[in-house]
Amino acid sequence: MAMLKRLAVLAGAAGAVTSYAKKNPEKVNQAVGKAANFVDQKTKGKYHAKINGVTQKVSDATKPKPGH
């Protein structure tokens, strides 16, 4: 039963994050960029390609859809 409660909380949090990202795409992209740079520096570029991939996915997800 505790697992269901955790999943419900995570689903609620994911919905809140999605809503925030849609309303504030510039802030989200800026924060993700800063975090990506920080992680890339700390890992000395070891995961640079993966970090860039994730950053690009976030950027694509926060772009306005055509017709909206």
Protein backbone atom coordinates (compact mmCIF):
# COMPACT_ATOMS: atom_id res chain seq x y z
CA MET A 1 0.00 0.00 0.00
CA ALA A 2 2.87 2.36 0.73
CA MET A 3 4.13 1.84 -2.81
CA LEU A 4 0.81 3.09 -4.23
CA LYS A 5 1.01 6.20 -2.10
CA ARG A 6 4.53 6.89 -3.34
CA LEU A 7 3.45 6.44 -6.95
CA ALA A 8 0.52 8.81 -6.41
CA VAL A 9 2.85 11.43 -4.95
CA LEU A 10 5.30 11.01 -7.83
CA ALA A 11 2.50 11.30 -10.38
CA GLY A 12 1.29 14.50 -8.73
CA ALA A 13 4.80 15.93 -8.70
CA ALA A 14 5.33 15.02 -12.35
CA GLY A 15 2.10 16.80 -13.26
CA ALA A 16 3.21 19.90 -11.37
CA VAL A 17 6.61 19.90 -13.07
CA THR A 18 5.02 19.50 -16.49
CA SER A 19 2.64 22.37 -15.84
CA TYR A 20 5.47 24.62 -14.63
CA ALA A 21 7.62 23.74 -17.64
CA LYS A 22 4.82 24.65 -20.05
CA LYS A 23 4.27 28.01 -18.34
CA ASN A 24 7.97 28.87 -17.88
CA PRO A 25 10.01 27.24 -20.67
CA GLU A 26 12.79 29.85 -20.55
CA LYS A 27 13.38 29.34 -16.84
CA VAL A 28 13.33 25.57 -17.19
CA ASN A 29 15.80 25.60 -20.08
CA GLN A 30 18.09 27.99 -18.21
CA ALA A 31 18.05 25.82 -15.07
CA VAL A 32 18.65 22.64 -17.06
CA GLY A 33 21.52 24.31 -18.92
CA LYS A 34 23.19 25.38 -15.68
CA ALA A 35 22.73 21.92 -14.17
CA ALA A 36 24.10 20.28 -17.31
CA ASN A 37 27.18 22.51 -17.29
CA PHE A 38 27.77 21.78 -13.61
CA VAL A 39 27.50 18.00 -14.06
CA ASP A 40 29.63 18.12 -17.20
CA GLN A 41 32.37 19.98 -15.33
CA LYS A 42 32.22 17.66 -12.33
CA THR A 43 32.46 14.57 -14.54
CA LYS A 44 35.20 16.20 -16.64
CA GLY A 45 33.21 15.69 -19.84
CA LYS A 46 32.91 11.93 -19.44
CA TYR A 47 29.14 12.02 -20.04
CA HIS A 48 29.07 15.07 -22.32
CA ALA A 49 27.12 13.39 -25.14
CA LYS A 50 24.49 11.99 -22.79
CA ILE A 51 24.12 15.30 -20.96
CA ASN A 52 23.68 17.12 -24.27
CA GLY A 53 21.06 14.57 -25.33
CA VAL A 54 19.03 15.11 -22.19
CA THR A 55 19.38 18.89 -22.48
CA GLN A 56 18.13 18.71 -26.07
CA LYS A 57 15.14 16.56 -25.07
CA VAL A 58 14.16 19.09 -22.41
CA SER A 59 14.52 21.91 -24.92
CA ASP A 60 12.35 20.06 -27.44
CA ALA A 61 9.73 19.30 -24.80
CA THR A 62 9.42 22.94 -23.76
CA LYS A 63 9.06 24.31 -27.28
CA PRO A 64 5.57 25.54 -28.07
CA LYS A 65 3.60 23.17 -30.27
CA PRO A 66 2.59 24.44 -33.73
CA GLY A 67 -0.82 26.05 -33.62
CA HIS A 68 -0.65 26.91 -29.91
